[in-house]
Protein backbone atom coordinates (compact mmCIF):
# COMPACT_ATOMS: atom_id res chain seq x y z
CA MET A 1 -37.85 121.79 74.61
CA TRP A 2 -37.14 119.77 77.79
CA PRO A 3 -40.21 121.05 79.72
CA LYS A 4 -42.40 120.03 76.78
CA ALA A 5 -40.72 116.62 76.63
CA LEU A 6 -41.36 116.10 80.34
CA ALA A 7 -44.96 117.19 79.87
CA ALA A 8 -45.35 114.62 77.08
CA LEU A 9 -44.01 111.90 79.39
CA LYS A 10 -46.44 112.90 82.13
CA SER A 11 -49.31 112.56 79.67
CA LEU A 12 -48.62 108.83 79.28
CA SER A 13 -51.15 106.58 80.95
CA ARG A 14 -50.12 103.93 83.44
CA SER A 15 -51.05 101.29 80.88
CA GLU A 16 -48.69 102.79 78.30
CA ILE A 17 -45.84 103.03 80.80
CA PHE A 18 -46.47 99.44 81.89
CA TRP A 19 -46.41 97.98 78.38
CA CYS A 20 -43.38 100.01 77.35
CA ALA A 21 -41.53 98.79 80.43
CA ILE A 22 -42.55 95.19 79.70
CA GLY A 23 -41.47 95.47 76.05
CA MET A 24 -38.12 97.04 76.84
CA LEU A 25 -37.39 94.55 79.63
CA ALA A 26 -38.40 91.56 77.49
CA CYS A 27 -36.22 92.82 74.63
CA THR A 28 -33.22 93.35 76.92
CA VAL A 29 -33.53 89.91 78.51
CA TRP A 30 -34.07 88.26 75.14
CA LEU A 31 -31.01 89.94 73.59
CA ALA A 32 -28.86 89.06 76.58
CA ASN A 33 -29.76 85.37 76.28
CA LEU A 34 -29.48 84.86 72.53
CA LYS A 35 -26.74 82.49 71.42
CA ALA A 36 -23.54 84.55 71.29
CA THR A 37 -21.17 84.44 68.34
CA GLU A 38 -17.55 83.46 68.89
CA HIS A 39 -16.37 86.01 66.32
CA PRO A 40 -18.05 89.40 66.92
CA ASP A 41 -15.27 91.09 64.87
CA TYR A 42 -15.82 88.93 61.78
CA ALA A 43 -15.62 90.43 58.24
CA ASP A 44 -16.95 94.03 57.99
CA ALA A 45 -16.83 94.40 61.78
CA GLY A 46 -13.03 94.55 61.61
CA GLN A 47 -13.15 97.80 59.64
CA TYR A 48 -15.51 99.48 62.09
CA ILE A 49 -13.38 98.30 65.00
CA SER A 50 -10.15 99.53 63.42
CA GLY A 51 -11.67 102.95 62.82
CA GLY A 52 -12.94 103.07 66.39
CA ILE A 53 -9.55 102.10 67.82
CA ASN A 54 -7.74 104.83 65.90
CA LEU A 55 -10.31 107.46 66.83
CA ALA A 56 -10.01 106.47 70.49
CA LYS A 57 -6.20 106.45 70.51
CA TYR A 58 -5.32 109.24 68.10
CA GLY A 59 -8.51 111.17 67.43
CA THR A 60 -7.96 110.42 63.75
CA PHE A 61 -10.10 108.31 61.42
CA ASN A 62 -8.16 105.57 59.67
CA GLU A 63 -9.06 101.89 59.34
CA ASN A 64 -5.48 100.61 59.49
CA ILE A 65 -4.46 99.97 63.09
CA ARG A 66 -0.94 101.05 64.03
CA LEU A 67 -0.49 100.69 67.76
CA ASP A 68 3.30 101.04 67.51
CA SER A 69 3.11 104.73 66.61
CA ASP A 70 2.37 107.94 68.52
CA THR A 71 0.50 109.43 65.56
CA ILE A 72 -1.45 108.23 62.58
CA THR A 73 -2.29 109.86 59.27
CA PRO A 74 -5.94 110.45 58.30
CA GLY A 75 -7.38 107.82 55.99
CA ILE A 76 -10.43 106.96 53.90
CA GLY A 77 -12.61 104.04 54.88
CA ARG A 78 -16.21 103.13 55.60
CA GLU A 79 -18.67 105.54 57.13
CA PRO A 80 -17.16 107.04 60.31
CA GLY A 81 -20.38 107.21 62.37
CA TYR A 82 -20.29 103.80 64.02
CA ALA A 83 -16.51 103.99 64.44
CA ALA A 84 -17.05 107.23 66.39
CA VAL A 85 -19.49 105.41 68.70
CA LEU A 86 -17.02 102.54 69.16
CA SER A 87 -14.24 105.00 69.98
CA VAL A 88 -16.25 106.01 73.06
CA VAL A 89 -17.29 102.45 73.94
CA PHE A 90 -13.74 101.10 73.71
CA ARG A 91 -12.60 103.53 76.39
CA VAL A 92 -14.68 101.54 78.88
CA GLY A 93 -12.63 98.73 80.38
CA ASP A 94 -9.44 97.54 78.70
CA SER A 95 -10.71 96.94 75.16
CA LEU A 96 -8.02 99.20 73.68
CA ASP A 97 -5.34 96.94 75.13
CA GLN A 98 -7.04 93.69 74.13
CA ILE A 99 -7.66 94.54 70.47
CA THR A 100 -4.44 94.31 68.45
CA PRO A 101 -3.68 94.02 64.73
CA THR A 102 -2.25 90.56 65.37
CA CYS A 103 -5.51 89.06 66.62
CA LEU A 104 -7.93 91.26 64.69
CA TYR A 105 -6.48 90.39 61.30
CA SER A 106 -5.88 86.71 62.04
CA GLY A 107 -9.02 85.04 63.33
CA GLY A 108 -10.35 87.64 65.74
CA CYS A 109 -9.71 88.87 69.27
CA GLY A 110 -12.35 86.75 71.01
CA VAL A 111 -15.44 88.08 72.76
CA GLU A 112 -14.11 89.83 75.85
CA PRO A 113 -13.02 93.11 74.16
CA TYR A 114 -16.51 93.60 72.71
CA VAL A 115 -18.80 93.11 75.70
CA TRP A 116 -19.62 96.83 75.96
CA ALA A 117 -19.92 97.16 72.18
CA LYS A 118 -22.53 94.39 72.12
CA TRP A 119 -24.48 96.00 74.96
CA THR A 120 -24.36 99.26 73.04
CA ASN A 121 -25.96 97.53 70.05
CA ARG A 122 -28.60 96.04 72.34
CA THR A 123 -29.32 99.49 73.74
CA PHE A 124 -29.81 100.88 70.23
CA ILE A 125 -32.38 98.16 69.51
CA VAL A 126 -34.28 98.76 72.75
CA LEU A 127 -34.30 102.53 72.21
CA SER A 128 -35.47 102.09 68.62
CA GLY A 129 -38.63 100.43 69.90
CA LEU A 130 -39.19 103.24 72.41
CA ILE A 131 -38.70 105.91 69.74
CA MET A 132 -41.17 104.18 67.42
CA PHE A 133 -43.66 104.06 70.29
CA PHE A 134 -43.49 107.85 70.65
CA ALA A 135 -43.46 108.34 66.87
CA MET A 136 -46.65 106.32 66.37
CA ARG A 137 -48.31 107.98 69.33
CA ARG A 138 -47.77 111.36 67.69
CA LEU A 139 -48.64 110.07 64.23
CA THR A 140 -51.91 108.28 65.08
CA GLY A 141 -52.87 109.58 68.51
CA SER A 142 -53.53 105.94 69.45
CA PRO A 143 -51.71 104.46 72.46
CA PHE A 144 -52.65 101.00 71.18
CA ALA A 145 -51.00 101.53 67.78
CA ALA A 146 -47.96 103.06 69.49
CA ILE A 147 -47.52 100.07 71.81
CA MET A 148 -47.90 97.61 68.94
CA SER A 149 -45.26 99.45 66.89
CA GLY A 150 -42.85 99.45 69.80
CA MET A 151 -43.50 95.77 70.49
CA HIS A 152 -42.84 94.99 66.86
CA LEU A 153 -39.21 96.00 67.37
CA TRP A 154 -38.83 94.84 70.98
CA LEU A 155 -40.09 91.30 70.29
CA ASN A 156 -38.77 90.82 66.76
CA HIS A 157 -36.60 87.72 67.20
CA GLN A 158 -35.40 87.55 63.60
CA MET A 159 -34.15 91.13 63.63
CA HIS A 160 -32.30 90.60 66.90
CA LYS A 161 -30.04 87.87 65.56
CA ASN A 162 -27.34 90.16 64.16
CA HIS A 163 -26.91 92.35 67.23
CA ASP A 164 -23.97 90.30 68.46
CA TYR A 165 -21.65 91.43 65.67
CA VAL A 166 -19.81 94.72 66.06
CA ILE A 167 -21.46 96.27 63.02
CA SER A 168 -23.40 99.47 62.39
CA ASP A 169 -26.87 98.10 61.64
CA PRO A 170 -28.41 98.58 65.13
CA LEU A 171 -27.14 102.18 65.20
CA ALA A 172 -28.55 102.72 61.71
CA MET A 173 -31.97 101.42 62.80
CA PHE A 174 -31.88 103.68 65.86
CA LEU A 175 -31.14 106.71 63.64
CA ALA A 176 -33.77 105.68 61.08
CA SER A 177 -36.32 105.47 63.91
CA LEU A 178 -35.19 108.83 65.27
CA LEU A 179 -35.54 110.31 61.77
CA VAL A 180 -39.16 109.16 61.66
CA PHE A 181 -39.86 110.68 65.07
CA THR A 182 -38.18 114.03 64.34
CA CYS A 183 -40.00 114.35 61.01
CA ILE A 184 -43.35 113.83 62.77
CA TRP A 185 -42.35 116.21 65.56
CA ALA A 186 -41.20 118.93 63.13
CA TRP A 187 -44.30 118.51 60.91
CA GLN A 188 -46.61 119.08 63.85
CA ARG A 189 -44.85 122.25 65.00
CA LYS A 190 -45.25 125.69 63.43
CA SER A 191 -41.62 126.80 63.61
CA ILE A 192 -39.60 126.22 60.45
CA TYR A 193 -36.51 125.81 62.63
CA SER A 194 -37.94 122.56 63.97
CA TRP A 195 -36.69 120.97 60.75
CA ILE A 196 -33.11 121.39 61.92
CA ALA A 197 -33.65 118.25 64.03
CA PRO A 198 -34.50 115.82 61.20
CA GLY A 199 -31.72 117.38 59.12
CA LEU A 200 -29.14 116.61 61.80
CA VAL A 201 -30.48 113.09 62.32
CA PHE A 202 -30.40 112.42 58.59
CA ALA A 203 -26.77 113.54 58.45
CA GLY A 204 -26.02 111.08 61.26
CA LEU A 205 -27.76 108.33 59.30
CA VAL A 206 -25.62 109.02 56.24
CA PHE A 207 -22.48 108.98 58.39
CA THR A 208 -23.62 105.51 59.48
CA LYS A 209 -24.99 104.19 56.17
CA ALA A 210 -23.54 106.06 53.20
CA VAL A 211 -26.15 104.70 50.78
CA TYR A 212 -28.56 107.31 52.13
CA ILE A 213 -26.61 109.95 50.21
CA TYR A 214 -28.58 108.71 47.21
CA PHE A 215 -31.81 109.31 49.11
CA ILE A 216 -31.16 113.06 49.14
CA PRO A 217 -32.34 113.79 45.57
CA VAL A 218 -35.37 111.54 46.12
CA ALA A 219 -36.27 113.36 49.35
CA VAL A 220 -35.78 116.79 47.77
CA LEU A 221 -37.97 115.83 44.82
CA ILE A 222 -40.75 114.56 47.11
CA GLY A 223 -40.35 117.71 49.18
CA LEU A 224 -40.82 119.91 46.13
CA VAL A 225 -43.96 117.99 45.21
CA LEU A 226 -45.34 118.64 48.71
CA VAL A 227 -44.45 122.34 48.35
CA VAL A 228 -46.43 122.53 45.10
CA MET A 229 -49.37 120.71 46.70
CA ASN A 230 -49.39 123.13 49.63
CA ARG A 231 -49.94 126.26 47.55
CA ALA A 232 -51.46 128.26 50.38
CA GLN A 233 -48.26 128.03 52.44
CA TRP A 234 -45.68 127.32 49.77
CA LYS A 235 -43.18 129.84 51.13
CA SER A 236 -43.18 128.22 54.56
CA SER A 237 -42.97 124.73 53.05
CA LEU A 238 -40.09 125.72 50.80
CA SER A 239 -38.25 127.27 53.74
CA LYS A 240 -38.61 124.06 55.72
CA LEU A 241 -37.31 122.00 52.79
CA LEU A 242 -34.37 124.38 52.38
CA ILE A 243 -33.48 124.23 56.07
CA VAL A 244 -33.56 120.45 56.34
CA THR A 245 -31.57 120.07 53.11
CA VAL A 246 -28.83 122.52 54.13
CA VAL A 247 -28.53 121.08 57.64
CA ALA A 248 -28.43 117.51 56.33
CA THR A 249 -25.90 118.07 53.55
CA SER A 250 -23.47 120.54 55.13
CA PRO A 251 -21.67 117.94 57.33
CA LEU A 252 -21.48 115.61 54.34
CA PHE A 253 -19.76 118.22 52.19
CA LEU A 254 -17.32 118.97 54.99
CA TRP A 255 -16.39 115.29 55.26
CA MET A 256 -15.98 115.03 51.49
CA GLU A 257 -13.74 118.09 51.58
CA ARG A 258 -11.66 116.38 54.25
CA ASN A 259 -11.39 113.27 52.06
CA HIS A 260 -10.49 115.39 49.05
CA ASP A 261 -7.53 116.77 50.98
CA ILE A 262 -6.34 113.18 51.49
CA THR A 263 -6.96 111.55 48.10
CA GLY A 264 -7.60 114.42 45.71
CA LYS A 265 -11.10 113.04 45.08
CA TYR A 266 -14.44 114.23 46.40
CA GLN A 267 -15.70 111.00 47.93
CA PHE A 268 -17.63 110.20 51.07
CA THR A 269 -16.19 106.72 51.69
CA ASP A 270 -13.64 104.42 50.09
CA SER A 271 -14.55 102.85 46.75
CA ARG A 272 -16.74 99.94 47.79
CA GLY A 273 -19.45 100.60 45.22
CA GLY A 274 -17.77 98.50 42.56
CA ILE A 275 -17.74 95.33 44.65
CA ALA A 276 -21.35 95.91 45.74
CA LEU A 277 -22.44 96.31 42.12
CA SER A 278 -20.42 93.26 41.12
CA THR A 279 -22.18 91.08 43.69
CA ARG A 280 -25.50 92.43 42.46
CA VAL A 281 -25.12 92.32 38.68
CA VAL A 282 -24.42 88.56 38.62
CA PHE A 283 -28.09 87.98 39.43
CA ASN A 284 -28.99 89.58 36.11
CA ASP A 285 -27.75 86.35 34.49
CA MET A 286 -30.58 84.31 36.06
CA ASN A 287 -32.91 82.48 33.69
CA LEU A 288 -36.59 81.94 34.50
CA THR A 289 -36.01 78.74 36.48
CA GLU A 290 -33.24 80.33 38.54
CA TYR A 291 -35.43 83.38 39.03
CA LEU A 292 -38.21 81.26 40.55
CA ALA A 293 -35.66 79.34 42.60
CA ALA A 294 -34.42 82.64 44.08
CA PHE A 295 -37.83 83.42 45.57
CA THR A 296 -38.00 79.89 46.97
CA TYR A 297 -34.43 79.68 48.29
CA TRP A 298 -34.53 83.10 49.99
CA THR A 299 -37.73 82.37 51.91
CA ARG A 300 -36.69 82.41 55.54
CA GLY A 301 -36.55 79.12 57.37
CA ALA A 302 -37.23 76.20 55.05
CA GLY A 303 -36.64 78.02 51.78
CA ASP A 304 -33.37 76.31 50.91
CA GLY A 305 -34.92 72.90 51.59
CA TRP A 306 -37.93 73.72 49.43
CA ALA A 307 -35.64 74.86 46.61
CA GLU A 308 -33.63 71.63 46.79
CA ALA A 309 -36.87 69.62 46.60
CA LEU A 310 -38.37 71.62 43.73
CA PHE A 311 -35.39 72.43 41.51
CA PRO A 312 -32.39 70.54 40.09
CA ALA A 313 -29.13 70.72 42.06
CA GLU A 314 -27.39 72.78 39.37
CA ILE A 315 -30.05 75.47 39.82
CA VAL A 316 -29.86 75.59 43.62
CA LYS A 317 -26.10 75.23 44.19
CA PRO A 318 -25.17 78.74 42.92
CA PHE A 319 -27.25 80.29 45.74
CA GLU A 320 -24.97 78.75 48.38
CA TRP A 321 -22.72 81.34 50.03
CA TYR A 322 -19.29 79.88 49.42
CA ASN A 323 -19.86 77.81 46.32
CA PRO A 324 -16.90 78.69 44.01
CA ASP A 325 -19.30 78.92 41.06
CA GLY A 326 -22.04 80.60 43.10
CA TYR A 327 -23.43 84.08 42.72
CA TYR A 328 -21.75 85.51 45.80
CA LEU A 329 -18.16 84.49 45.12
CA ARG A 330 -18.51 85.16 41.40
CA GLY A 331 -19.51 88.71 42.19
CA GLN A 332 -17.22 89.25 45.18
CA LEU A 333 -14.04 87.83 43.66
CA GLY A 334 -14.83 88.61 40.04
CA PHE A 335 -14.52 92.35 40.58
CA GLY A 336 -10.94 92.15 41.78
CA GLU A 337 -10.01 89.62 39.11
CA ARG A 338 -11.32 91.86 36.32
CA ALA A 339 -9.55 94.86 37.81
CA SER A 340 -6.25 92.94 38.06
CA VAL A 341 -6.43 91.95 34.41
CA ILE A 342 -7.10 95.53 33.30
CA ALA A 343 -4.34 96.92 35.53
CA SER A 344 -1.87 94.42 34.07
CA GLU A 345 -2.92 94.88 30.42
CA ARG A 346 -2.98 98.69 30.55
CA ASN A 347 -0.16 99.12 33.06
CA ILE A 348 -2.26 101.40 35.28
CA PRO A 349 -2.76 101.61 39.08
CA MET A 350 -5.20 99.14 40.61
CA SER A 351 -7.42 101.98 41.85
CA ASP A 352 -7.86 103.25 38.28
CA ALA A 353 -8.56 99.71 37.07
CA LYS A 354 -11.28 99.32 39.70
CA ASP A 355 -12.89 102.56 38.52
CA ILE A 356 -12.91 101.19 34.96
CA VAL A 357 -14.54 97.92 36.03
CA GLU A 358 -17.14 99.82 38.06
CA HIS A 359 -18.03 101.91 34.99
CA GLN A 360 -18.25 98.72 32.90
CA ILE A 361 -20.70 97.21 35.38
CA LYS A 362 -22.81 100.39 35.37
CA ASP A 363 -22.87 100.32 31.56
CA GLN A 364 -23.90 96.66 31.72
CA ILE A 365 -26.85 97.57 33.96
CA LEU A 366 -27.88 100.55 31.83
CA ALA A 367 -27.76 98.38 28.70
CA HIS A 368 -30.47 96.10 30.16
CA PRO A 369 -32.50 98.23 32.60
CA ILE A 370 -35.69 96.12 32.40
CA LYS A 371 -33.80 92.96 33.28
CA HIS A 372 -32.19 94.74 36.20
CA ILE A 373 -35.55 95.96 37.50
CA VAL A 374 -37.06 92.50 37.17
CA THR A 375 -34.19 90.80 39.02
CA THR A 376 -34.43 93.41 41.77
CA LEU A 377 -37.78 91.95 42.87
CA PRO A 378 -36.43 88.66 44.33
CA LEU A 379 -33.67 90.63 46.03
CA ILE A 380 -36.27 92.88 47.66
CA TYR A 381 -37.98 89.66 48.74
CA ARG A 382 -34.66 88.45 50.18
CA GLY A 383 -34.31 91.55 52.33
CA ILE A 384 -37.80 91.66 53.85
CA TRP A 385 -37.13 88.57 55.93
CA ILE A 386 -35.24 90.65 58.48
CA ASP A 387 -38.73 91.10 59.92
CA GLU A 388 -40.18 88.20 61.91
CA LEU A 389 -43.66 89.06 60.59
CA ALA A 390 -42.65 90.03 57.04
CA ILE A 391 -45.39 87.89 55.55
CA ILE A 392 -47.97 90.38 56.88
CA THR A 393 -46.00 93.59 57.45
CA PHE A 394 -44.57 93.88 53.93
CA PRO A 395 -48.01 93.79 52.22
CA ALA A 396 -49.29 96.11 54.96
CA LEU A 397 -46.45 98.54 54.26
CA ILE A 398 -47.21 98.64 50.53
CA TRP A 399 -50.93 99.08 51.16
CA LEU A 400 -50.27 101.82 53.70
CA LEU A 401 -48.16 103.71 51.16
CA ILE A 402 -50.91 103.41 48.55
CA CYS A 403 -53.47 104.74 51.03
CA ALA A 404 -51.16 107.61 51.99
CA LEU A 405 -50.75 108.60 48.34
CA ARG A 406 -54.49 108.36 47.67
CA GLN A 407 -55.31 110.50 50.71
CA ARG A 408 -52.44 112.89 49.98
CA ASN A 409 -51.14 112.30 53.48
CA GLY A 410 -47.78 114.01 53.08
CA LEU A 411 -46.54 113.22 56.59
CA LEU A 412 -47.19 109.49 56.25
CA VAL A 413 -45.42 109.43 52.88
CA ILE A 414 -42.43 111.22 54.38
CA VAL A 415 -42.02 108.79 57.30
CA LEU A 416 -42.38 105.71 55.08
CA LEU A 417 -39.96 106.86 52.38
CA PRO A 418 -36.64 106.15 54.16
CA SER A 419 -37.67 102.53 54.80
CA LEU A 420 -38.93 102.06 51.26
CA PHE A 421 -35.71 103.54 49.93
CA SER A 422 -33.76 100.99 51.97
CA LEU A 423 -35.81 98.10 50.60
CA VAL A 424 -35.37 99.15 46.97
CA PHE A 425 -31.87 100.65 46.88
CA TYR A 426 -30.04 97.80 48.58
CA ALA A 427 -31.84 95.31 46.34
CA ALA A 428 -31.03 97.27 43.21
CA PHE A 429 -27.33 97.81 43.94
CA SER A 430 -26.16 95.06 46.31
CA LEU A 431 -26.82 91.43 47.20
CA ASN A 432 -29.21 92.70 49.92
CA VAL A 433 -28.72 90.25 52.76
CA ALA A 434 -31.44 90.57 55.38
CA ARG A 435 -29.45 92.57 57.95
CA TYR A 436 -29.09 95.44 55.48
CA GLN A 437 -32.79 96.05 55.99
CA MET A 438 -32.64 96.96 59.66
CA THR A 439 -33.05 100.52 58.36
CA ALA A 440 -36.39 99.43 56.90
CA MET A 441 -37.68 98.22 60.28
CA PRO A 442 -39.24 101.59 61.27
CA GLY A 443 -41.45 101.33 58.19
CA PHE A 444 -42.46 97.78 59.10
CA ALA A 445 -43.19 98.94 62.67
CA ILE A 446 -45.43 101.75 61.37
CA ALA A 447 -47.24 99.31 59.08
CA PHE A 448 -47.73 96.86 61.95
CA GLY A 449 -49.12 99.61 64.17
CA TYR A 450 -51.66 100.69 61.55
CA LEU A 451 -52.54 97.08 60.76
CA SER A 452 -53.12 96.35 64.44
CA LEU A 453 -55.35 99.42 64.69
CA TRP A 454 -57.34 98.30 61.64
CA VAL A 455 -57.77 94.74 62.96
CA ARG A 456 -58.90 96.01 66.34
CA GLY A 457 -61.41 98.30 64.64
CA ARG A 458 -62.84 95.42 62.60
CA ILE A 459 -63.16 93.26 65.72
CA GLN A 460 -64.94 96.05 67.60
CA ARG A 461 -67.35 96.63 64.69
CA TYR A 462 -68.05 92.90 64.50
CA ARG A 463 -68.85 92.81 68.21
CA ARG A 464 -71.15 95.83 67.96
CA HIS A 465 -73.08 94.28 65.07
CA LYS A 466 -73.28 90.92 66.80
CA THR A 467 -74.55 92.16 70.17
CA PRO A 468 -77.94 93.57 68.94
CA LYS A 469 -78.70 90.30 67.14
CA GLN A 470 -78.04 88.33 70.33
CA GLU A 471 -80.36 90.65 72.25
CA GLU A 472 -83.13 90.15 69.65
CA HIS A 473 -82.92 86.38 70.00
CA ALA A 474 -82.99 86.71 73.77
C-alpha cells in the first residue's frame, strides 16, 4: 500500500504541490490568527474534556472527573472517539494538572490547558482539505477540480470559526472526508478487501458522531440497490457490501455490549436523544408567519436584522437563544420539566420518566409527519450556513446528486450520501446549529469542485467560439 501511495504522490505536478502547500499554509495561518475564545471548554466541550482526562489518567471512559482517586469505574457518556484523541493530546505539557473539576465545572479552566487541543483541531481542518484534494483527484481525474475542493475547506472562513472550542466537529469532518476518500479508493480497486478501509473509517465516524448509527440502514439499502443494478457482478458487489457492513458495525456492537454490562441496556451513548428531540419538536408549533421568519432570521450575517425589520417583535423574539419563551429554552428546559413532573406523579426514577417523555415526543412527531417534514426545511436552511459559499454550493450539491442519479453514477451517489444524511438528519431531529454540519462539508467541497470544473469548461467554450469570430472580422 505504501509504495503505491508514494507513487501517487510522485505523480503530482509541481503546480498541484504548490497550490496544496499554499492552501494548507494559508489555512494554518488563518486559523492561528482568528479571534480566540476565552472559554474553549464551554458547554458540550466539558464532557469531551472530562472523558479525555479519565482516559488519560485511568484508561477508563467516564465523563465524571475524580482526580482524588486511584481508580474510576466505567461510565456511559457521549461518543468516546474525540475523548480518546484528547486523552493523547492532554499528555503533552501539563494539561492534566491544569484541568480540575473545580475550574471545569465552575466557569472554565482558561485557555492554557487547551493549546494543544486547539492545534489538534486546526490540524484536522487542514488535513480535511488535503484529503478532499486527493479524493477529488481520484474521482474526477482533474487537478483543477481537486485543488478547488481542497481550497474550499482551507479558505472557508465561516467553517473555521468553531475550531477554537474543544469539541468533536473538526475530527468528525476529518473522518467524513476520509470516508469519502476511502470509498473512492476502494471502488476503484478490484479487491473486495479494500472495503475494510471505509468500514473502519465509518466506525470511527460513529464513535465521534453517534447520529451516523442511523445512517447504517440507509447505506445498506443504497448498497443493495447498487448490487441489484450491477447484475453482472452481483456476487462481488454483495461481498463488498457485506465486508464494509461487518467491519463498520462490529466495533459498535462491542461498545454497546460494554455499555450493557454497565447499565443493563444496549445503548451506544447516554440518553441525549430526548433533549435533542425536545429542542427540535418545538419548531413544529410555528405558524406560517413564524415559518417565513425562520428562513429570514437564520440567514447568515444580516438575517436577524432583516427579520426584525420585516416581522413583528413577538414573531422574532422566540428565535433568540436565551429568551425564556424562545424555542431553544422551551425545548431544552421543557424536557427536564416534563420528566420531573412524570417522575413525581408516578413515583418512578428520573431515567424512566425521561424515556416516557422521549416516547411522547416521538408519538407527537409521528402524529403529524407532514408538519414535521415541512418544518425540517428551514432547519436544513439553518445548517447550510456553515459553508462560506452556501448560496452556491448547496444548490450545486442538490443538482450534482440529481445528475448522479440520472447517470446512475453509483460512486458519486455513495460519496455524497454521508453529507446529505448530515444535512437532513440533524435538521429532522435536532435544532441543527451550523457547526453540526461540519460533517456535510465534504459534500459541499465535492459540489464546489464540480461546479468550478463546469464553470471553467463554459469559459473555455465561450473563448473558443469567440476567437473564430474575431479572426473573421480581422
